Amino acid sequence: MISKLALAAMMLLAMLLPAVADDKLGISGKVYYRERLLLPAGSVLTVSLIDIDKPVQPIVSVEAVTADRGRSPLEFTLKVADGVLRAGQNYGLTAEIVTSGDRLWFTSALPVALDLAQLDMPVEILVVGTGQKPLPEAEIARFYDKPLEIIELAGTELVDGQYPTLQLSPDLRASGTSGCNNWFAQATVDGQSIGFSPAAATRMACPGKGVSEQESAFFAALEKVAGWAMRGQLIQLFDTAGAEIILLAPLPDV
């Protein structure tokens, strides 16, 4: 029979020994971006816990790699050791998405503050584009009714003197030439996102080496367009994976 003294000693020992359990707190949530884009395979989402008063060095971070092309929102769970979060301190979460080649594509503009009393609630973090910033309406409008020339077309060598063109009207009708035939389509624009309906075109024969192939490649690329951005005075058009497929330059005023 166990004596009262031994029983008391066992109870005291049990109180002093740490519990055999996961001593890490899980902070979960989702990272959003507004652009209608798929992330390239291998993109890396990093979510970091920071002290807002000392934001230079993250307290802890977690990374998630997209095996296939991911899309918004992206889920995360950040494990934080017990005792790291202290009452009276200001903590927040930051997020960034890096694509292949270590290109920072999206980042949170400001940390999302953590409520230490509600750590079991999911946290939502909005990230915004870095190299592909949304075009302000005034920036878009200055290209209305201005002819633009395609100077690069992914995977296609353009025919000298017969570059395709594109012009966008205020009602978002798109038109131009393929380098041979005239074409027409309807555009849709929403911030950084842009798309084109299948192009209707005249049916002239396209003599000359590579002209017909250029036309087919241009129309195929136009249907894949999902986003746009400025590069200096040039306009980049991207597909859903974020790859540049068309590069346009304003034609000089006549």
Protein backbone atom coordinates (compact mmCIF):
# COMPACT_ATOMS: atom_id res chain seq x y z
CA MET A 1 0.00 0.00 0.00
CA ILE A 2 1.28 3.44 -0.93
CA SER A 3 1.89 5.69 2.07
CA LYS A 4 0.41 9.14 2.23
CA LEU A 5 3.94 10.60 2.03
CA ALA A 6 4.74 8.66 -1.14
CA LEU A 7 1.42 9.63 -2.70
CA ALA A 8 2.05 13.29 -1.94
CA ALA A 9 5.52 13.03 -3.48
CA MET A 10 4.08 11.47 -6.66
CA MET A 11 1.47 14.22 -6.96
CA LEU A 12 4.12 16.91 -6.53
CA LEU A 13 6.32 15.25 -9.16
CA ALA A 14 3.40 15.12 -11.60
CA MET A 15 2.82 18.84 -11.13
CA LEU A 16 6.46 19.68 -11.82
CA LEU A 17 6.95 17.45 -14.91
CA PRO A 18 5.98 19.04 -18.26
CA ALA A 19 2.94 17.57 -19.97
CA VAL A 20 3.74 15.14 -22.81
CA ALA A 21 1.87 17.03 -25.51
CA ASP A 22 2.38 19.36 -28.46
CA ASP A 23 3.56 22.58 -26.82
CA LYS A 24 3.23 24.61 -30.01
CA LEU A 25 0.34 26.92 -30.79
CA GLY A 26 -1.09 26.74 -34.31
CA ILE A 27 -2.06 30.01 -36.01
CA SER A 28 -4.00 29.27 -39.19
CA GLY A 29 -5.49 31.34 -41.95
CA LYS A 30 -5.57 32.15 -45.65
CA VAL A 31 -3.54 34.41 -47.95
CA TYR A 32 -5.47 36.19 -50.70
CA TYR A 33 -4.58 38.17 -53.79
CA ARG A 34 -7.18 39.90 -55.95
CA GLU A 35 -5.64 39.15 -59.35
CA ARG A 36 -7.22 36.29 -61.28
CA LEU A 37 -3.93 34.50 -61.80
CA LEU A 38 -2.62 30.99 -61.28
CA LEU A 39 0.75 30.75 -59.54
CA PRO A 40 3.51 28.95 -61.45
CA ALA A 41 4.49 25.54 -60.07
CA GLY A 42 7.19 25.88 -57.43
CA SER A 43 6.02 29.26 -56.15
CA VAL A 44 6.74 29.71 -52.46
CA LEU A 45 4.36 31.27 -49.93
CA THR A 46 6.08 32.48 -46.76
CA VAL A 47 4.07 33.59 -43.72
CA SER A 48 6.00 35.18 -40.85
CA LEU A 49 5.18 36.14 -37.28
CA ILE A 50 6.75 39.46 -36.34
CA ASP A 51 6.95 41.80 -33.39
CA ILE A 52 5.37 44.92 -34.91
CA ASP A 53 7.62 47.13 -32.79
CA LYS A 54 10.72 45.22 -34.02
CA PRO A 55 9.73 43.99 -37.49
CA VAL A 56 13.18 43.44 -39.01
CA GLN A 57 13.73 39.86 -37.83
CA PRO A 58 10.70 37.47 -37.95
CA ILE A 59 10.07 35.49 -34.79
CA VAL A 60 9.09 32.41 -36.79
CA SER A 61 8.20 31.69 -40.43
CA VAL A 62 6.58 28.89 -42.40
CA GLU A 63 6.96 28.15 -46.11
CA ALA A 64 4.60 26.31 -48.46
CA VAL A 65 5.60 25.35 -52.01
CA THR A 66 2.88 25.03 -54.67
CA ALA A 67 3.40 21.69 -56.41
CA ASP A 68 1.01 22.68 -59.17
CA ARG A 69 -0.27 26.05 -60.25
CA GLY A 70 -1.99 27.38 -57.14
CA ARG A 71 -4.64 30.03 -56.90
CA SER A 72 -5.96 32.42 -54.27
CA PRO A 73 -6.65 31.79 -51.42
CA LEU A 74 -3.67 29.83 -50.07
CA GLU A 75 -4.01 28.21 -46.66
CA PHE A 76 -1.30 28.17 -43.99
CA THR A 77 -0.66 27.03 -40.41
CA LEU A 78 2.11 28.65 -38.39
CA LYS A 79 3.41 26.76 -35.35
CA VAL A 80 4.56 28.96 -32.48
CA ALA A 81 6.30 27.54 -29.41
CA ASP A 82 4.52 27.99 -26.11
CA GLY A 83 5.66 31.09 -24.24
CA VAL A 84 6.83 33.00 -27.31
CA LEU A 85 3.81 35.31 -27.38
CA ARG A 86 3.79 37.64 -24.39
CA ALA A 87 0.92 39.78 -23.16
CA GLY A 88 1.37 43.48 -23.85
CA GLN A 89 3.43 42.95 -27.02
CA ASN A 90 2.18 43.83 -30.50
CA TYR A 91 2.40 40.93 -32.94
CA GLY A 92 1.44 40.61 -36.58
CA LEU A 93 1.63 38.32 -39.59
CA THR A 94 3.20 39.14 -42.95
CA ALA A 95 3.13 37.13 -46.16
CA GLU A 96 4.93 37.05 -49.49
CA ILE A 97 4.83 34.89 -52.60
CA VAL A 98 8.03 34.28 -54.55
CA THR A 99 8.04 32.61 -57.96
CA SER A 100 10.81 30.68 -59.67
CA GLY A 101 14.00 32.69 -60.00
CA ASP A 102 13.37 34.25 -56.56
CA ARG A 103 11.09 36.88 -58.06
CA LEU A 104 8.99 38.56 -55.36
CA TRP A 105 5.53 38.59 -56.94
CA PHE A 106 3.17 39.40 -54.06
CA THR A 107 3.71 40.83 -50.59
CA SER A 108 1.59 42.16 -47.73
CA ALA A 109 1.69 45.94 -47.61
CA LEU A 110 1.26 46.00 -43.81
CA PRO A 111 1.33 43.30 -41.12
CA VAL A 112 -2.01 41.91 -40.00
CA ALA A 113 -2.27 42.50 -36.25
CA LEU A 114 -2.86 39.45 -34.06
CA ASP A 115 -5.44 39.47 -31.27
CA LEU A 116 -3.86 37.33 -28.56
CA ALA A 117 -7.31 36.66 -27.11
CA GLN A 118 -8.56 35.16 -30.40
CA LEU A 119 -5.66 33.12 -31.75
CA ASP A 120 -8.02 30.25 -32.56
CA MET A 121 -9.73 32.43 -35.19
CA PRO A 122 -8.46 32.13 -38.81
CA VAL A 123 -6.34 35.06 -40.00
CA GLU A 124 -6.82 36.55 -43.47
CA ILE A 125 -3.83 38.23 -45.14
CA LEU A 126 -4.16 40.24 -48.37
CA VAL A 127 -1.05 40.43 -50.55
CA VAL A 128 -0.57 42.82 -53.47
CA GLY A 129 1.53 42.60 -56.61
CA THR A 130 5.01 44.08 -56.67
CA GLY A 131 6.36 44.01 -60.21
CA GLN A 132 2.86 43.89 -61.68
CA LYS A 133 1.03 46.74 -60.02
CA PRO A 134 -2.59 47.42 -60.98
CA LEU A 135 -2.92 50.16 -63.52
CA PRO A 136 -4.78 53.26 -62.28
CA GLU A 137 -7.78 54.22 -64.39
CA ALA A 138 -5.93 57.31 -65.62
CA GLU A 139 -3.03 55.11 -66.72
CA ILE A 140 -5.36 52.86 -68.70
CA ALA A 141 -7.32 55.73 -70.22
CA ARG A 142 -4.26 57.36 -71.76
CA PHE A 143 -3.96 54.35 -74.08
CA TYR A 144 -7.55 54.47 -75.32
CA ASP A 145 -7.71 54.98 -79.09
CA LYS A 146 -3.91 54.86 -79.26
CA PRO A 147 -2.43 52.31 -81.67
CA LEU A 148 -0.04 49.89 -80.01
CA GLU A 149 2.45 47.69 -81.83
CA ILE A 150 3.33 44.17 -80.73
CA ILE A 151 7.13 44.13 -80.48
CA GLU A 152 7.47 40.73 -78.77
CA LEU A 153 5.30 37.64 -79.13
CA ALA A 154 6.28 34.66 -77.00
CA GLY A 155 7.65 31.77 -79.04
CA THR A 156 7.29 33.58 -82.36
CA GLU A 157 9.75 35.53 -84.49
CA LEU A 158 7.93 38.60 -85.78
CA VAL A 159 8.01 39.48 -89.46
CA ASP A 160 9.84 42.75 -90.08
CA GLY A 161 7.54 45.50 -91.30
CA GLN A 162 4.39 43.48 -90.57
CA TYR A 163 4.11 43.59 -86.78
CA PRO A 164 0.62 43.03 -85.34
CA THR A 165 -1.13 46.00 -83.75
CA LEU A 166 -3.75 46.52 -81.04
CA GLN A 167 -5.98 49.47 -80.23
CA LEU A 168 -8.41 49.71 -77.31
CA SER A 169 -11.41 52.04 -77.35
CA PRO A 170 -13.10 53.51 -74.23
CA ASP A 171 -15.93 50.94 -74.59
CA LEU A 172 -13.21 48.24 -74.56
CA ARG A 173 -13.56 47.22 -78.18
CA ALA A 174 -10.20 45.93 -79.35
CA SER A 175 -9.01 46.03 -82.93
CA GLY A 176 -5.90 46.11 -85.05
CA THR A 177 -4.03 44.14 -87.67
CA SER A 178 -2.39 40.75 -87.40
CA GLY A 179 0.28 41.91 -89.82
CA CYS A 180 -1.99 40.81 -92.63
CA ASN A 181 -5.69 40.81 -91.73
CA ASN A 182 -7.68 43.31 -89.72
CA TRP A 183 -9.10 41.86 -86.51
CA PHE A 184 -11.73 42.76 -83.89
CA ALA A 185 -12.51 41.51 -80.36
CA GLN A 186 -14.11 42.59 -77.09
CA ALA A 187 -11.90 43.22 -74.08
CA THR A 188 -12.77 42.95 -70.39
CA VAL A 189 -10.73 44.91 -67.85
CA ASP A 190 -10.80 44.65 -64.07
CA GLY A 191 -7.85 46.34 -62.39
CA GLN A 192 -4.80 44.33 -63.34
CA SER A 193 -6.82 41.64 -65.11
CA ILE A 194 -7.62 41.80 -68.81
CA GLY A 195 -9.03 39.32 -71.29
CA PHE A 196 -10.06 39.22 -74.94
CA SER A 197 -12.85 37.38 -76.70
CA PRO A 198 -11.88 35.22 -79.70
CA ALA A 199 -10.86 37.54 -82.52
CA ALA A 200 -12.89 37.95 -85.70
CA ALA A 201 -10.74 38.79 -88.71
CA THR A 202 -10.89 39.51 -92.41
CA ARG A 203 -9.90 36.60 -94.65
CA MET A 204 -7.24 37.98 -96.93
CA ALA A 205 -4.46 35.68 -98.04
CA CYS A 206 -1.20 36.39 -96.20
CA PRO A 207 1.72 36.16 -98.63
CA GLY A 208 5.27 36.32 -97.36
CA LYS A 209 7.36 34.01 -95.24
CA GLY A 210 6.05 33.59 -91.70
CA VAL A 211 3.13 36.05 -92.01
CA SER A 212 0.38 33.45 -91.74
CA GLU A 213 2.16 31.68 -88.86
CA GLN A 214 2.57 35.01 -87.06
CA GLU A 215 -1.15 35.71 -87.39
CA SER A 216 -2.11 32.32 -85.94
CA ALA A 217 0.34 32.71 -83.04
CA PHE A 218 -0.92 36.22 -82.28
CA PHE A 219 -4.59 35.22 -82.16
CA ALA A 220 -3.76 32.19 -79.99
CA ALA A 221 -1.74 34.35 -77.58
CA LEU A 222 -4.49 36.99 -77.42
CA GLU A 223 -6.99 34.41 -76.14
CA LYS A 224 -4.56 33.40 -73.35
CA VAL A 225 -4.12 36.94 -72.00
CA ALA A 226 -5.20 37.28 -68.36
CA GLY A 227 -3.30 40.27 -66.95
CA TRP A 228 -1.33 43.35 -67.82
CA ALA A 229 1.22 45.75 -66.33
CA MET A 230 3.45 48.65 -67.31
CA ARG A 231 7.17 48.38 -67.98
CA GLY A 232 8.22 51.98 -68.51
CA GLN A 233 6.29 53.07 -71.60
CA LEU A 234 5.68 49.48 -72.69
CA ILE A 235 2.65 47.33 -71.86
CA GLN A 236 3.12 43.70 -70.84
CA LEU A 237 0.37 41.12 -71.33
CA PHE A 238 0.54 37.96 -69.19
CA ASP A 239 -1.10 34.55 -69.26
CA THR A 240 -2.73 32.93 -66.22
CA ALA A 241 0.66 31.59 -65.07
CA GLY A 242 2.09 35.12 -64.97
CA ALA A 243 4.33 34.62 -67.99
CA GLU A 244 4.71 37.51 -70.40
CA ILE A 245 3.30 36.50 -73.79
CA ILE A 246 2.87 39.86 -75.55
CA LEU A 247 4.83 43.11 -75.26
CA LEU A 248 3.36 46.28 -76.79
CA ALA A 249 4.82 49.69 -77.57
CA PRO A 250 2.85 52.86 -78.43
CA LEU A 251 3.17 53.87 -82.05
CA PRO A 252 4.34 57.45 -82.57
CA ASP A 253 1.68 60.01 -83.35
CA VAL A 254 1.48 60.79 -87.02
